[in-house]
Amino acid sequence: MFIDITRGVAALKSVWSLGSQACDAETATVCQGDNAPEFLDEAQTYITLGRHHSAAILAGDALESTLRKLCATHSVEVPSDSTLDNMNAELARMGIYDDHTEQRLSVASDLREKANCGLWSEVSKDDVETMIAEVRTFAAEYAAAL
């Protein structure tokens, strides 16, 4: 029961940490801040504690924060309810990054969605560790563009 409560709190925390739903592409950096490193550090802590489902949600939050900042930097209009997949596809379409990067981020996005939906059997610890590494690499690679 404690694990279920902890997962619920992690899911709520990830939603609350995203800031106001009224954020748009122009104000995303103000609303979001640079939360990606914090989310990734906390995700790594959750992995260490054996809570890889919560870690997947936080790594997905880090990815979303980074994608929103990239959209703002490259003047890509993003509705506040835009999904990771929408932002990812639009940035790839604009040539900000290649198709291979888009596919890697799509896998990370899918893993986050599975964790958010409680599909625990489809979210393995190894997959989440790979996801954290992918998001960390992506965020570092594109930090210069932000």
N, C-alpha and C. Protein backbone atom coordinates (compact mmCIF):
# COMPACT_ATOMS: atom_id res chain seq x y z
N MET A 1 0.82 -1.18 0.00
CA MET A 1 0.00 0.00 0.00
C MET A 1 0.87 1.26 0.00
N PHE A 2 1.96 1.25 0.76
CA PHE A 2 2.85 2.41 0.82
C PHE A 2 3.42 2.73 -0.56
N ILE A 3 3.75 1.68 -1.31
CA ILE A 3 4.31 1.88 -2.65
C ILE A 3 3.28 2.55 -3.55
N ASP A 4 2.01 2.13 -3.45
CA ASP A 4 0.95 2.74 -4.26
C ASP A 4 0.79 4.22 -3.91
N ILE A 5 0.84 4.53 -2.63
CA ILE A 5 0.73 5.93 -2.20
C ILE A 5 1.92 6.72 -2.71
N THR A 6 3.10 6.14 -2.61
CA THR A 6 4.32 6.81 -3.07
C THR A 6 4.24 7.08 -4.57
N ARG A 7 3.76 6.12 -5.32
CA ARG A 7 3.62 6.30 -6.77
C ARG A 7 2.62 7.41 -7.07
N GLY A 8 1.53 7.42 -6.32
CA GLY A 8 0.53 8.46 -6.52
C GLY A 8 1.08 9.84 -6.22
N VAL A 9 1.85 9.94 -5.14
CA VAL A 9 2.46 11.22 -4.79
C VAL A 9 3.45 11.64 -5.87
N ALA A 10 4.23 10.70 -6.38
CA ALA A 10 5.19 11.02 -7.44
C ALA A 10 4.47 11.52 -8.69
N ALA A 11 3.35 10.87 -9.03
CA ALA A 11 2.58 11.31 -10.21
C ALA A 11 2.02 12.71 -9.99
N LEU A 12 1.47 12.96 -8.81
CA LEU A 12 0.96 14.29 -8.51
C LEU A 12 2.07 15.34 -8.53
N LYS A 13 3.21 14.97 -7.96
CA LYS A 13 4.33 15.91 -7.94
C LYS A 13 4.77 16.25 -9.35
N SER A 14 4.79 15.26 -10.23
CA SER A 14 5.21 15.53 -11.60
C SER A 14 4.23 16.45 -12.30
N VAL A 15 2.94 16.30 -12.01
CA VAL A 15 1.95 17.18 -12.62
C VAL A 15 2.06 18.59 -12.05
N TRP A 16 2.18 18.70 -10.73
CA TRP A 16 2.29 20.01 -10.10
C TRP A 16 3.56 20.73 -10.52
N SER A 17 4.62 19.99 -10.74
CA SER A 17 5.89 20.62 -11.06
C SER A 17 5.93 21.20 -12.47
N LEU A 18 4.94 20.88 -13.28
CA LEU A 18 4.92 21.39 -14.63
C LEU A 18 4.48 22.84 -14.70
N GLY A 19 4.01 23.38 -13.61
CA GLY A 19 3.62 24.79 -13.60
C GLY A 19 2.23 24.98 -14.15
N SER A 20 1.90 26.18 -14.45
CA SER A 20 0.57 26.57 -14.90
C SER A 20 0.27 25.98 -16.26
N GLN A 21 -0.96 25.59 -16.46
CA GLN A 21 -1.39 25.10 -17.77
C GLN A 21 -1.54 26.25 -18.76
N ALA A 22 -1.44 27.47 -18.28
CA ALA A 22 -1.60 28.63 -19.16
C ALA A 22 -0.30 28.99 -19.88
N CYS A 23 0.74 28.21 -19.69
CA CYS A 23 2.02 28.49 -20.34
C CYS A 23 1.88 28.28 -21.84
N ASP A 24 2.50 29.15 -22.60
CA ASP A 24 2.57 28.94 -24.04
C ASP A 24 4.04 28.91 -24.44
N ALA A 25 4.33 28.78 -25.70
CA ALA A 25 5.71 28.66 -26.15
C ALA A 25 6.54 29.87 -25.77
N GLU A 26 5.94 31.05 -25.76
CA GLU A 26 6.70 32.25 -25.46
C GLU A 26 7.03 32.37 -23.99
N THR A 27 6.18 31.84 -23.14
CA THR A 27 6.41 31.98 -21.70
C THR A 27 6.84 30.67 -21.05
N ALA A 28 7.07 29.66 -21.86
CA ALA A 28 7.41 28.35 -21.30
C ALA A 28 8.66 28.40 -20.44
N THR A 29 9.67 29.14 -20.86
CA THR A 29 10.88 29.19 -20.07
C THR A 29 10.65 29.88 -18.74
N VAL A 30 9.74 30.84 -18.71
CA VAL A 30 9.41 31.51 -17.45
C VAL A 30 8.63 30.57 -16.56
N CYS A 31 7.66 29.86 -17.14
CA CYS A 31 6.81 28.96 -16.36
C CYS A 31 7.57 27.71 -15.93
N GLN A 32 8.41 27.22 -16.80
CA GLN A 32 9.07 25.96 -16.53
C GLN A 32 10.41 26.12 -15.80
N GLY A 33 11.15 27.14 -16.12
CA GLY A 33 12.49 27.24 -15.57
C GLY A 33 13.35 26.17 -16.20
N ASP A 34 14.52 25.96 -15.65
CA ASP A 34 15.38 24.90 -16.14
C ASP A 34 15.30 23.74 -15.16
N ASN A 35 14.18 23.02 -15.22
CA ASN A 35 13.92 21.94 -14.27
C ASN A 35 14.51 20.61 -14.69
N ALA A 36 14.98 20.49 -15.93
CA ALA A 36 15.45 19.20 -16.41
C ALA A 36 16.54 18.59 -15.53
N PRO A 37 17.59 19.34 -15.14
CA PRO A 37 18.61 18.72 -14.29
C PRO A 37 18.05 18.26 -12.94
N GLU A 38 17.16 19.05 -12.37
CA GLU A 38 16.57 18.67 -11.09
C GLU A 38 15.72 17.41 -11.23
N PHE A 39 14.90 17.35 -12.28
CA PHE A 39 14.08 16.17 -12.51
C PHE A 39 14.95 14.93 -12.71
N LEU A 40 16.01 15.07 -13.49
CA LEU A 40 16.89 13.92 -13.76
C LEU A 40 17.63 13.47 -12.51
N ASP A 41 18.06 14.40 -11.69
CA ASP A 41 18.73 14.03 -10.43
C ASP A 41 17.76 13.30 -9.51
N GLU A 42 16.54 13.81 -9.42
CA GLU A 42 15.55 13.15 -8.58
C GLU A 42 15.17 11.79 -9.16
N ALA A 43 15.09 11.69 -10.48
CA ALA A 43 14.79 10.40 -11.11
C ALA A 43 15.87 9.38 -10.77
N GLN A 44 17.12 9.83 -10.80
CA GLN A 44 18.22 8.93 -10.46
C GLN A 44 18.12 8.48 -9.00
N THR A 45 17.70 9.38 -8.14
CA THR A 45 17.50 9.02 -6.73
C THR A 45 16.41 7.97 -6.60
N TYR A 46 15.32 8.15 -7.34
CA TYR A 46 14.24 7.16 -7.31
C TYR A 46 14.72 5.79 -7.81
N ILE A 47 15.55 5.78 -8.82
CA ILE A 47 16.11 4.51 -9.32
C ILE A 47 16.88 3.83 -8.17
N THR A 48 17.70 4.60 -7.50
CA THR A 48 18.50 4.07 -6.39
C THR A 48 17.60 3.50 -5.29
N LEU A 49 16.47 4.14 -5.06
CA LEU A 49 15.53 3.69 -4.04
C LEU A 49 14.65 2.53 -4.51
N GLY A 50 14.82 2.13 -5.78
CA GLY A 50 14.02 1.03 -6.31
C GLY A 50 12.64 1.45 -6.79
N ARG A 51 12.46 2.72 -7.06
CA ARG A 51 11.16 3.24 -7.50
C ARG A 51 11.27 3.73 -8.94
N HIS A 52 11.52 2.79 -9.83
CA HIS A 52 11.77 3.14 -11.22
C HIS A 52 10.54 3.68 -11.94
N HIS A 53 9.35 3.35 -11.48
CA HIS A 53 8.14 3.91 -12.12
C HIS A 53 8.08 5.42 -11.90
N SER A 54 8.36 5.85 -10.69
CA SER A 54 8.39 7.28 -10.39
C SER A 54 9.52 7.95 -11.15
N ALA A 55 10.63 7.25 -11.29
CA ALA A 55 11.78 7.79 -12.02
C ALA A 55 11.42 8.03 -13.49
N ALA A 56 10.64 7.13 -14.07
CA ALA A 56 10.23 7.30 -15.47
C ALA A 56 9.38 8.56 -15.64
N ILE A 57 8.51 8.82 -14.69
CA ILE A 57 7.67 10.01 -14.76
C ILE A 57 8.53 11.27 -14.67
N LEU A 58 9.47 11.28 -13.75
CA LEU A 58 10.33 12.46 -13.59
C LEU A 58 11.25 12.66 -14.79
N ALA A 59 11.78 11.58 -15.34
CA ALA A 59 12.61 11.71 -16.54
C ALA A 59 11.79 12.25 -17.71
N GLY A 60 10.53 11.83 -17.79
CA GLY A 60 9.63 12.37 -18.80
C GLY A 60 9.37 13.86 -18.60
N ASP A 61 9.29 14.27 -17.34
CA ASP A 61 9.13 15.70 -17.04
C ASP A 61 10.36 16.48 -17.48
N ALA A 62 11.53 15.90 -17.28
CA ALA A 62 12.77 16.55 -17.72
C ALA A 62 12.78 16.69 -19.24
N LEU A 63 12.35 15.65 -19.93
CA LEU A 63 12.28 15.71 -21.39
C LEU A 63 11.28 16.78 -21.83
N GLU A 64 10.13 16.82 -21.19
CA GLU A 64 9.13 17.82 -21.56
C GLU A 64 9.65 19.24 -21.34
N SER A 65 10.31 19.45 -20.23
CA SER A 65 10.88 20.77 -19.94
C SER A 65 11.88 21.18 -21.02
N THR A 66 12.73 20.24 -21.40
CA THR A 66 13.74 20.52 -22.43
C THR A 66 13.08 20.80 -23.78
N LEU A 67 12.09 20.00 -24.15
CA LEU A 67 11.41 20.20 -25.43
C LEU A 67 10.66 21.53 -25.46
N ARG A 68 10.03 21.89 -24.37
CA ARG A 68 9.32 23.19 -24.32
C ARG A 68 10.31 24.34 -24.49
N LYS A 69 11.47 24.22 -23.86
CA LYS A 69 12.48 25.28 -24.00
C LYS A 69 13.00 25.34 -25.43
N LEU A 70 13.21 24.18 -26.05
CA LEU A 70 13.64 24.16 -27.45
C LEU A 70 12.58 24.80 -28.35
N CYS A 71 11.33 24.50 -28.09
CA CYS A 71 10.25 25.10 -28.88
C CYS A 71 10.25 26.62 -28.71
N ALA A 72 10.43 27.09 -27.50
CA ALA A 72 10.46 28.54 -27.27
C ALA A 72 11.67 29.17 -27.96
N THR A 73 12.81 28.52 -27.88
CA THR A 73 14.03 29.04 -28.49
C THR A 73 13.91 29.15 -30.00
N HIS A 74 13.24 28.17 -30.61
CA HIS A 74 13.13 28.13 -32.08
C HIS A 74 11.78 28.64 -32.56
N SER A 75 11.07 29.37 -31.71
CA SER A 75 9.79 30.00 -32.06
C SER A 75 8.76 29.02 -32.60
N VAL A 76 8.69 27.86 -32.00
CA VAL A 76 7.69 26.87 -32.35
C VAL A 76 6.50 27.07 -31.42
N GLU A 77 5.34 27.36 -32.00
CA GLU A 77 4.15 27.57 -31.18
C GLU A 77 3.69 26.22 -30.63
N VAL A 78 3.54 26.20 -29.31
CA VAL A 78 3.14 24.97 -28.63
C VAL A 78 1.97 25.29 -27.70
N PRO A 79 0.82 24.69 -27.95
CA PRO A 79 -0.30 24.89 -27.01
C PRO A 79 0.08 24.34 -25.64
N SER A 80 -0.52 24.86 -24.60
CA SER A 80 -0.19 24.42 -23.25
C SER A 80 -0.49 22.94 -23.03
N ASP A 81 -1.44 22.39 -23.79
CA ASP A 81 -1.79 20.99 -23.63
C ASP A 81 -1.08 20.08 -24.64
N SER A 82 -0.06 20.60 -25.30
CA SER A 82 0.68 19.82 -26.29
C SER A 82 1.41 18.66 -25.62
N THR A 83 1.44 17.54 -26.30
CA THR A 83 2.09 16.36 -25.75
C THR A 83 3.57 16.33 -26.13
N LEU A 84 4.30 15.46 -25.47
CA LEU A 84 5.71 15.26 -25.82
C LEU A 84 5.84 14.87 -27.28
N ASP A 85 4.97 13.98 -27.73
CA ASP A 85 5.05 13.51 -29.11
C ASP A 85 4.81 14.64 -30.11
N ASN A 86 3.88 15.53 -29.80
CA ASN A 86 3.61 16.66 -30.70
C ASN A 86 4.83 17.58 -30.80
N MET A 87 5.41 17.92 -29.65
CA MET A 87 6.58 18.81 -29.65
C MET A 87 7.76 18.13 -30.35
N ASN A 88 7.95 16.85 -30.06
CA ASN A 88 9.05 16.09 -30.65
C ASN A 88 8.91 16.06 -32.18
N ALA A 89 7.72 15.76 -32.66
CA ALA A 89 7.50 15.68 -34.11
C ALA A 89 7.71 17.04 -34.77
N GLU A 90 7.23 18.09 -34.14
CA GLU A 90 7.36 19.42 -34.74
C GLU A 90 8.82 19.87 -34.78
N LEU A 91 9.57 19.62 -33.72
CA LEU A 91 10.98 20.01 -33.71
C LEU A 91 11.77 19.22 -34.76
N ALA A 92 11.46 17.94 -34.91
CA ALA A 92 12.14 17.13 -35.93
C ALA A 92 11.74 17.60 -37.32
N ARG A 93 10.46 17.92 -37.52
CA ARG A 93 9.99 18.40 -38.82
C ARG A 93 10.70 19.69 -39.21
N MET A 94 10.99 20.53 -38.24
CA MET A 94 11.66 21.80 -38.51
C MET A 94 13.17 21.63 -38.70
N GLY A 95 13.67 20.41 -38.49
CA GLY A 95 15.08 20.15 -38.68
C GLY A 95 15.96 20.53 -37.50
N ILE A 96 15.36 20.72 -36.34
CA ILE A 96 16.13 21.04 -35.14
C ILE A 96 17.00 19.84 -34.76
N TYR A 97 16.48 18.65 -34.96
CA TYR A 97 17.26 17.43 -34.81
C TYR A 97 16.78 16.40 -35.81
N ASP A 98 17.53 15.31 -35.93
CA ASP A 98 17.25 14.32 -36.98
C ASP A 98 16.20 13.29 -36.57
N ASP A 99 15.85 12.43 -37.52
CA ASP A 99 14.83 11.41 -37.30
C ASP A 99 15.24 10.40 -36.23
N HIS A 100 16.52 10.09 -36.16
CA HIS A 100 17.00 9.14 -35.15
C HIS A 100 16.76 9.69 -33.74
N THR A 101 17.05 10.97 -33.55
CA THR A 101 16.81 11.60 -32.25
C THR A 101 15.32 11.61 -31.94
N GLU A 102 14.51 11.90 -32.95
CA GLU A 102 13.05 11.90 -32.77
C GLU A 102 12.57 10.53 -32.30
N GLN A 103 13.10 9.47 -32.89
CA GLN A 103 12.70 8.12 -32.51
C GLN A 103 13.13 7.79 -31.08
N ARG A 104 14.35 8.18 -30.71
CA ARG A 104 14.82 7.95 -29.33
C ARG A 104 13.92 8.66 -28.32
N LEU A 105 13.56 9.90 -28.63
CA LEU A 105 12.71 10.66 -27.72
C LEU A 105 11.29 10.11 -27.69
N SER A 106 10.84 9.56 -28.79
CA SER A 106 9.52 8.95 -28.83
C SER A 106 9.45 7.72 -27.92
N VAL A 107 10.52 6.95 -27.89
CA VAL A 107 10.58 5.79 -26.99
C VAL A 107 10.52 6.26 -25.54
N ALA A 108 11.27 7.31 -25.22
CA ALA A 108 11.25 7.86 -23.86
C ALA A 108 9.85 8.38 -23.51
N SER A 109 9.22 9.04 -24.45
CA SER A 109 7.87 9.56 -24.23
C SER A 109 6.88 8.43 -23.97
N ASP A 110 6.99 7.36 -24.74
CA ASP A 110 6.11 6.20 -24.55
C ASP A 110 6.29 5.59 -23.16
N LEU A 111 7.53 5.50 -22.72
CA LEU A 111 7.81 4.93 -21.41
C LEU A 111 7.20 5.80 -20.31
N ARG A 112 7.33 7.10 -20.45
CA ARG A 112 6.73 8.02 -19.47
C ARG A 112 5.22 7.83 -19.44
N GLU A 113 4.61 7.72 -20.61
CA GLU A 113 3.16 7.57 -20.68
C GLU A 113 2.71 6.27 -20.01
N LYS A 114 3.45 5.21 -20.23
CA LYS A 114 3.12 3.93 -19.59
C LYS A 114 3.20 4.05 -18.07
N ALA A 115 4.24 4.74 -17.58
CA ALA A 115 4.37 4.94 -16.13
C ALA A 115 3.24 5.81 -15.61
N ASN A 116 2.89 6.86 -16.34
CA ASN A 116 1.79 7.74 -15.93
C ASN A 116 0.46 7.00 -15.88
N CYS A 117 0.27 6.04 -16.77
CA CYS A 117 -0.99 5.29 -16.83
C CYS A 117 -1.01 4.09 -15.90
N GLY A 118 0.09 3.85 -15.20
CA GLY A 118 0.14 2.73 -14.26
C GLY A 118 0.34 1.38 -14.90
N LEU A 119 0.91 1.36 -16.09
CA LEU A 119 1.20 0.08 -16.76
C LEU A 119 2.55 -0.43 -16.26
N TRP A 120 2.59 -0.79 -14.99
CA TRP A 120 3.85 -1.10 -14.31
C TRP A 120 4.61 -2.25 -14.95
N SER A 121 3.90 -3.25 -15.46
CA SER A 121 4.59 -4.40 -16.05
C SER A 121 5.31 -4.05 -17.35
N GLU A 122 4.98 -2.90 -17.95
CA GLU A 122 5.60 -2.49 -19.20
C GLU A 122 6.74 -1.48 -18.99
N VAL A 123 7.07 -1.22 -17.72
CA VAL A 123 8.11 -0.25 -17.39
C VAL A 123 9.17 -0.96 -16.55
N SER A 124 10.27 -1.37 -17.19
CA SER A 124 11.32 -2.07 -16.46
C SER A 124 12.38 -1.09 -15.95
N LYS A 125 13.08 -1.52 -14.94
CA LYS A 125 14.13 -0.69 -14.36
C LYS A 125 15.21 -0.39 -15.40
N ASP A 126 15.59 -1.38 -16.18
CA ASP A 126 16.61 -1.18 -17.21
C ASP A 126 16.16 -0.15 -18.26
N ASP A 127 14.89 -0.24 -18.66
CA ASP A 127 14.37 0.73 -19.63
C ASP A 127 14.40 2.15 -19.06
N VAL A 128 14.06 2.29 -17.79
CA VAL A 128 14.06 3.61 -17.16
C VAL A 128 15.48 4.15 -17.03
N GLU A 129 16.43 3.29 -16.69
CA GLU A 129 17.82 3.73 -16.61
C GLU A 129 18.31 4.21 -17.98
N THR A 130 17.93 3.48 -19.02
CA THR A 130 18.28 3.89 -20.39
C THR A 130 17.61 5.21 -20.73
N MET A 131 16.35 5.35 -20.33
CA MET A 131 15.61 6.58 -20.59
C MET A 131 16.29 7.78 -19.93
N ILE A 132 16.68 7.63 -18.68
CA ILE A 132 17.34 8.72 -17.96
C ILE A 132 18.62 9.11 -18.68
N ALA A 133 19.40 8.13 -19.10
CA ALA A 133 20.65 8.41 -19.82
C ALA A 133 20.36 9.13 -21.14
N GLU A 134 19.33 8.68 -21.87
CA GLU A 134 18.96 9.30 -23.15
C GLU A 134 18.54 10.76 -22.95
N VAL A 135 17.70 10.99 -21.95
CA VAL A 135 17.22 12.35 -21.71
C VAL A 135 18.36 13.25 -21.25
N ARG A 136 19.22 12.71 -20.39
CA ARG A 136 20.38 13.49 -19.92
C ARG A 136 21.29 13.87 -21.09
N THR A 137 21.54 12.91 -21.98
CA THR A 137 22.37 13.16 -23.16
C THR A 137 21.71 14.19 -24.07
N PHE A 138 20.42 14.03 -24.32
CA PHE A 138 19.69 14.96 -25.17
C PHE A 138 19.71 16.37 -24.57
N ALA A 139 19.44 16.49 -23.29
CA ALA A 139 19.40 17.80 -22.64
C ALA A 139 20.78 18.46 -22.70
N ALA A 140 21.84 17.68 -22.49
CA ALA A 140 23.20 18.24 -22.56
C ALA A 140 23.55 18.63 -23.98
N GLU A 141 23.16 17.82 -24.94
CA GLU A 141 23.48 18.06 -26.35
C GLU A 141 22.81 19.33 -26.87
N TYR A 142 21.59 19.56 -26.44
CA TYR A 142 20.84 20.71 -26.95
C TYR A 142 20.82 21.89 -25.98
N ALA A 143 21.55 21.78 -24.88
CA ALA A 143 21.61 22.89 -23.90
C ALA A 143 22.23 24.13 -24.54
N ALA A 144 23.16 23.95 -25.44
CA ALA A 144 23.81 25.09 -26.11
C ALA A 144 22.80 25.85 -26.96
N ALA A 145 21.80 25.15 -27.48
CA ALA A 145 20.79 25.80 -28.32
C ALA A 145 19.75 26.54 -27.48
N LEU A 146 19.74 26.28 -26.19
CA LEU A 146 18.74 26.91 -25.34
C LEU A 146 19.24 28.21 -24.89
